[in-house]
């Protein structure tokens, strides 16, 4: 079981959220589809009253990990089989996210819509209610959305390793690892906040609501670019944030 931090009912201080309580979140997975694939590793990095704590584990996905996914994170079937059972891990992750949400703790990560969607979709396949139905509502601070908003026209890559280089943050080396990726994402978000007073002085809840609109604008712009290049448009349901819900089949 995840040993959760003891949350109080006292709201997160405002406006100094960069100095307050935070939780970083990341998954390594069996593949790129958050509605179908499942975690093979998770990391939740808490900063609570200045103290740091890490909850991390491998996850047994109960399925074969494709070679392409192993090439990304280096986690083999044999290694994942030593991890926590999928059902147990996902339910505990959800419980931790819901507790943090109830306390108003900002959730930080890179492209968090992917990770949250995977947790939500896996819960539903297990027969549980999804994250929103269980009381989760954010706030979320998504590095990908924030970076694209504050520096829309910057040239160059937008992967986590690229953002670490751009913001002067110590990044990971080698294959993806959930814990090192969480630390890198949190440091990048804090670097953006340090450079942008309008973000640092905004409450996490307000920032969450703004990112809903920013993400939709970003996806629309990217979709239009894809169409001009002769590629399929991004499905409308992928314009939502911070959780995708695929439309019911016709």
Protein backbone atom coordinates (compact mmCIF):
# COMPACT_ATOMS: atom_id res chain seq x y z
CA UNK A 1 0.00 0.00 0.00
CA UNK A 2 1.11 3.57 -0.63
CA UNK A 3 1.93 5.29 2.63
CA UNK A 4 0.17 8.59 1.96
CA UNK A 5 1.18 11.86 3.52
CA UNK A 6 -1.15 13.10 6.26
CA UNK A 7 -3.11 15.87 4.57
CA UNK A 8 -4.68 18.64 6.60
CA UNK A 9 -7.87 20.50 5.67
CA UNK A 10 -5.96 23.77 5.57
CA UNK A 11 -5.90 25.13 2.01
CA UNK A 12 -2.66 25.54 0.11
CA UNK A 13 -1.19 29.00 0.67
CA UNK A 14 -1.74 31.56 -2.06
CA UNK A 15 -0.12 33.18 -3.95
CA UNK A 16 3.18 31.36 -3.24
CA UNK A 17 2.27 27.95 -4.65
CA UNK A 18 5.83 27.38 -5.98
CA UNK A 19 6.99 27.37 -2.34
CA UNK A 20 4.08 25.31 -1.04
CA UNK A 21 2.93 21.70 -1.12
CA UNK A 22 3.29 19.87 -4.44
CA UNK A 23 3.01 16.35 -5.81
CA UNK A 24 4.73 15.19 -8.98
CA UNK A 25 3.39 12.23 -10.95
CA UNK A 26 4.59 10.07 -13.81
CA UNK A 27 4.00 6.62 -15.32
CA UNK A 28 6.07 4.37 -17.53
CA UNK A 29 3.76 2.20 -19.57
CA UNK A 30 3.20 -0.69 -21.97
CA UNK A 31 2.63 1.71 -24.85
CA UNK A 32 1.43 5.07 -26.17
CA UNK A 33 -2.36 4.63 -25.93
CA UNK A 34 -3.62 5.78 -22.51
CA UNK A 35 -7.04 4.23 -23.14
CA UNK A 36 -5.61 0.75 -23.80
CA UNK A 37 -2.12 0.52 -22.32
CA UNK A 38 -1.29 0.20 -18.62
CA UNK A 39 1.50 1.23 -16.22
CA UNK A 40 4.68 -0.75 -15.63
CA UNK A 41 6.15 1.82 -13.19
CA UNK A 42 4.81 4.79 -11.26
CA UNK A 43 6.29 7.58 -9.19
CA UNK A 44 4.60 10.07 -6.88
CA UNK A 45 6.98 12.65 -5.45
CA UNK A 46 5.51 14.66 -2.57
CA UNK A 47 6.74 17.97 -1.23
CA UNK A 48 4.84 18.54 2.00
CA UNK A 49 5.79 21.44 4.29
CA UNK A 50 9.21 21.46 2.66
CA UNK A 51 9.88 17.74 3.23
CA UNK A 52 10.34 15.44 0.22
CA UNK A 53 8.99 11.92 -0.07
CA UNK A 54 8.89 9.45 -2.96
CA UNK A 55 6.38 6.65 -3.54
CA UNK A 56 7.54 4.54 -6.47
CA UNK A 57 7.24 0.98 -7.68
CA UNK A 58 7.33 -1.31 -10.66
CA UNK A 59 3.90 -2.60 -11.71
CA UNK A 60 3.05 -6.05 -13.05
CA UNK A 61 0.86 -5.22 -16.08
CA UNK A 62 -0.40 -8.80 -16.51
CA UNK A 63 0.53 -8.60 -20.18
CA UNK A 64 3.60 -8.74 -22.39
CA UNK A 65 5.46 -5.43 -22.68
CA UNK A 66 6.08 -4.64 -26.37
CA UNK A 67 9.66 -4.28 -27.53
CA UNK A 68 9.05 -0.66 -28.49
CA UNK A 69 8.03 0.23 -24.94
CA UNK A 70 11.00 -1.63 -23.46
CA UNK A 71 13.27 0.39 -25.76
CA UNK A 72 11.87 3.57 -24.19
CA UNK A 73 12.01 2.74 -20.47
CA UNK A 74 14.12 -0.42 -20.28
CA UNK A 75 11.64 -2.31 -18.09
CA UNK A 76 11.40 -5.95 -19.17
CA UNK A 77 8.64 -8.48 -18.56
CA UNK A 78 10.80 -10.19 -15.96
CA UNK A 79 11.41 -6.95 -14.07
CA UNK A 80 7.78 -5.85 -14.20
CA UNK A 81 6.66 -9.24 -12.89
CA UNK A 82 8.37 -8.39 -9.58
CA UNK A 83 6.25 -5.26 -9.20
CA UNK A 84 2.91 -4.61 -7.55
CA UNK A 85 -0.18 -6.18 -9.15
CA UNK A 86 -1.80 -3.78 -11.61
CA UNK A 87 -5.15 -3.63 -9.84
CA UNK A 88 -3.60 -2.83 -6.46
CA UNK A 89 -1.16 -0.26 -7.83
CA UNK A 90 -3.72 1.66 -9.90
CA UNK A 91 -6.25 1.82 -7.09
CA UNK A 92 -3.61 3.08 -4.67
CA UNK A 93 -2.41 5.68 -7.17
CA UNK A 94 -5.99 6.85 -7.60
CA UNK A 95 -6.47 7.06 -3.84
CA UNK A 96 -3.34 9.18 -3.47
CA UNK A 97 -4.38 11.51 -6.32
CA UNK A 98 -7.85 11.93 -4.83
CA UNK A 99 -6.44 12.74 -1.38
CA UNK A 100 -4.09 15.33 -2.85
CA UNK A 101 -6.94 16.85 -4.86
CA UNK A 102 -9.13 17.11 -1.76
CA UNK A 103 -6.34 19.02 -0.03
CA UNK A 104 -5.81 21.35 -3.01
CA UNK A 105 -2.29 20.08 -3.64
CA UNK A 106 -1.14 20.88 -7.20
CA UNK A 107 -0.32 17.81 -9.31
CA UNK A 108 2.69 18.39 -11.58
CA UNK A 109 3.98 16.36 -14.49
CA UNK A 110 4.87 16.31 -18.15
CA UNK A 111 1.85 15.81 -20.42
CA UNK A 112 -0.16 14.77 -17.36
CA UNK A 113 -3.29 14.24 -19.47
CA UNK A 114 -1.70 10.98 -20.66
CA UNK A 115 -1.01 9.65 -17.15
CA UNK A 116 -4.34 10.71 -15.68
CA UNK A 117 -6.23 9.28 -18.63
CA UNK A 118 -4.45 5.94 -18.24
CA UNK A 119 -5.29 5.75 -14.53
CA UNK A 120 -8.90 6.75 -15.22
CA UNK A 121 -9.32 4.27 -18.10
CA UNK A 122 -7.72 1.42 -16.14
CA UNK A 123 -10.00 2.05 -13.17
CA UNK A 124 -13.04 1.84 -15.45
CA UNK A 125 -11.86 -1.43 -17.00
CA UNK A 126 -11.51 -2.81 -13.48
CA UNK A 127 -15.16 -1.96 -12.88
CA UNK A 128 -14.43 1.01 -10.62
CA UNK A 129 -15.63 4.57 -11.01
CA UNK A 130 -13.30 6.93 -12.82
CA UNK A 131 -11.21 9.60 -11.10
CA UNK A 132 -13.77 12.45 -11.40
CA UNK A 133 -16.59 10.25 -10.11
CA UNK A 134 -14.44 9.37 -7.10
CA UNK A 135 -13.96 13.04 -6.26
CA UNK A 136 -10.76 13.97 -8.08
CA UNK A 137 -10.78 17.45 -9.66
CA UNK A 138 -7.17 18.66 -9.74
CA UNK A 139 -5.55 21.16 -9.69
CA UNK A 140 -3.01 20.13 -12.32
CA UNK A 141 0.07 22.02 -13.52
CA UNK A 142 1.12 20.41 -16.80
CA UNK A 143 4.64 21.24 -17.96
CA UNK A 144 3.76 20.62 -21.59
CA UNK A 145 0.78 22.98 -21.57
CA UNK A 146 2.53 25.69 -19.57
CA UNK A 147 5.68 25.66 -21.70
CA UNK A 148 3.74 25.86 -24.94
CA UNK A 149 1.70 28.74 -23.57
CA UNK A 150 4.54 30.91 -22.28
CA UNK A 151 6.85 30.30 -25.27
CA UNK A 152 4.57 29.35 -28.12
CA UNK A 153 6.88 30.15 -31.02
CA UNK A 154 10.17 28.82 -29.64
CA UNK A 155 11.97 26.59 -32.11
CA UNK A 156 13.35 23.20 -31.15
CA UNK A 157 12.07 20.07 -29.47
CA UNK A 158 9.51 19.99 -26.67
CA UNK A 159 10.36 16.62 -25.12
CA UNK A 160 11.19 16.53 -21.44
CA UNK A 161 14.91 16.30 -22.17
CA UNK A 162 14.62 19.37 -24.42
CA UNK A 163 12.75 21.34 -21.76
CA UNK A 164 15.35 20.43 -19.14
CA UNK A 165 18.04 21.82 -21.41
CA UNK A 166 16.04 24.97 -22.17
CA UNK A 167 15.24 25.74 -18.52
CA UNK A 168 18.66 24.77 -17.21
CA UNK A 169 17.28 21.87 -15.18
CA UNK A 170 19.17 18.72 -14.33
CA UNK A 171 17.46 16.08 -16.44
CA UNK A 172 17.50 12.35 -16.68
CA UNK A 173 20.05 10.28 -18.53
CA UNK A 174 19.42 7.04 -20.39
CA UNK A 175 16.01 5.37 -20.55
CA UNK A 176 12.91 6.99 -19.11
CA UNK A 177 12.46 6.47 -15.38
CA UNK A 178 9.29 7.61 -13.65
CA UNK A 179 11.00 9.10 -10.59
CA UNK A 180 13.72 11.01 -12.41
CA UNK A 181 11.16 12.26 -14.94
CA UNK A 182 8.94 13.54 -12.11
CA UNK A 183 11.80 15.48 -10.53
CA UNK A 184 12.73 16.95 -13.91
CA UNK A 185 9.15 17.99 -14.69
CA UNK A 186 8.64 19.62 -11.29
CA UNK A 187 11.89 21.57 -11.58
CA UNK A 188 10.94 22.79 -15.05
CA UNK A 189 7.50 23.95 -13.86
CA UNK A 190 9.13 25.79 -10.97
CA UNK A 191 11.61 27.36 -13.40
CA UNK A 192 8.71 28.63 -15.53
CA UNK A 193 6.99 30.03 -12.44
CA UNK A 194 10.20 31.77 -11.36
CA UNK A 195 10.41 33.48 -14.75
CA UNK A 196 6.70 34.28 -15.05
CA UNK A 197 5.25 36.18 -12.12
CA UNK A 198 1.79 36.04 -13.67
CA UNK A 199 1.87 32.26 -13.23
CA UNK A 200 3.49 32.23 -9.80
CA UNK A 201 0.95 34.70 -8.46
CA UNK A 202 -2.04 32.81 -9.84
CA UNK A 203 -3.72 30.21 -7.66
CA UNK A 204 -3.31 26.56 -8.75
CA UNK A 205 -7.07 26.31 -9.23
CA UNK A 206 -7.13 29.32 -11.54
CA UNK A 207 -4.11 27.99 -13.45
CA UNK A 208 -5.87 24.66 -13.85
CA UNK A 209 -8.89 26.34 -15.43
CA UNK A 210 -6.71 28.42 -17.74
CA UNK A 211 -4.85 25.32 -18.91
CA UNK A 212 -8.14 23.76 -20.00
CA UNK A 213 -8.48 26.58 -22.54
CA UNK A 214 -4.76 26.73 -23.36
CA UNK A 215 -4.62 22.99 -24.09
CA UNK A 216 -7.66 23.21 -26.34
CA UNK A 217 -6.11 26.10 -28.28
CA UNK A 218 -2.81 24.22 -28.58
CA UNK A 219 -4.47 21.04 -29.81
CA UNK A 220 -6.57 22.98 -32.31
CA UNK A 221 -3.49 24.72 -33.69
CA UNK A 222 -1.58 21.44 -33.91
CA UNK A 223 -4.54 19.72 -35.54
CA UNK A 224 -4.76 22.42 -38.19
CA UNK A 225 -1.03 22.01 -38.85
CA UNK A 226 -1.46 18.25 -39.27
CA UNK A 227 -4.27 18.77 -41.78
CA UNK A 228 -2.12 21.18 -43.80
CA UNK A 229 0.57 18.48 -43.89
CA UNK A 230 -1.92 15.92 -45.18
CA UNK A 231 -2.13 14.10 -41.82
CA UNK A 232 -5.30 13.23 -39.88
CA UNK A 233 -6.72 15.87 -37.56
CA UNK A 234 -6.50 15.34 -33.81
CA UNK A 235 -9.80 13.85 -32.59
CA UNK A 236 -12.00 16.36 -30.81
CA UNK A 237 -12.01 14.33 -27.58
CA UNK A 238 -8.22 14.74 -27.40
CA UNK A 239 -8.73 18.50 -27.11
CA UNK A 240 -10.06 17.94 -23.59
CA UNK A 241 -7.82 18.31 -20.54
CA UNK A 242 -6.73 16.99 -18.04
CA UNK A 243 -8.48 13.63 -18.72
CA UNK A 244 -9.46 12.24 -22.10
CA UNK A 245 -12.65 10.26 -22.45
CA UNK A 246 -13.04 8.54 -25.81
CA UNK A 247 -16.50 8.84 -27.36
CA UNK A 248 -18.75 5.82 -27.22
CA UNK A 249 -18.65 3.77 -30.45
CA UNK A 250 -21.49 4.34 -32.88
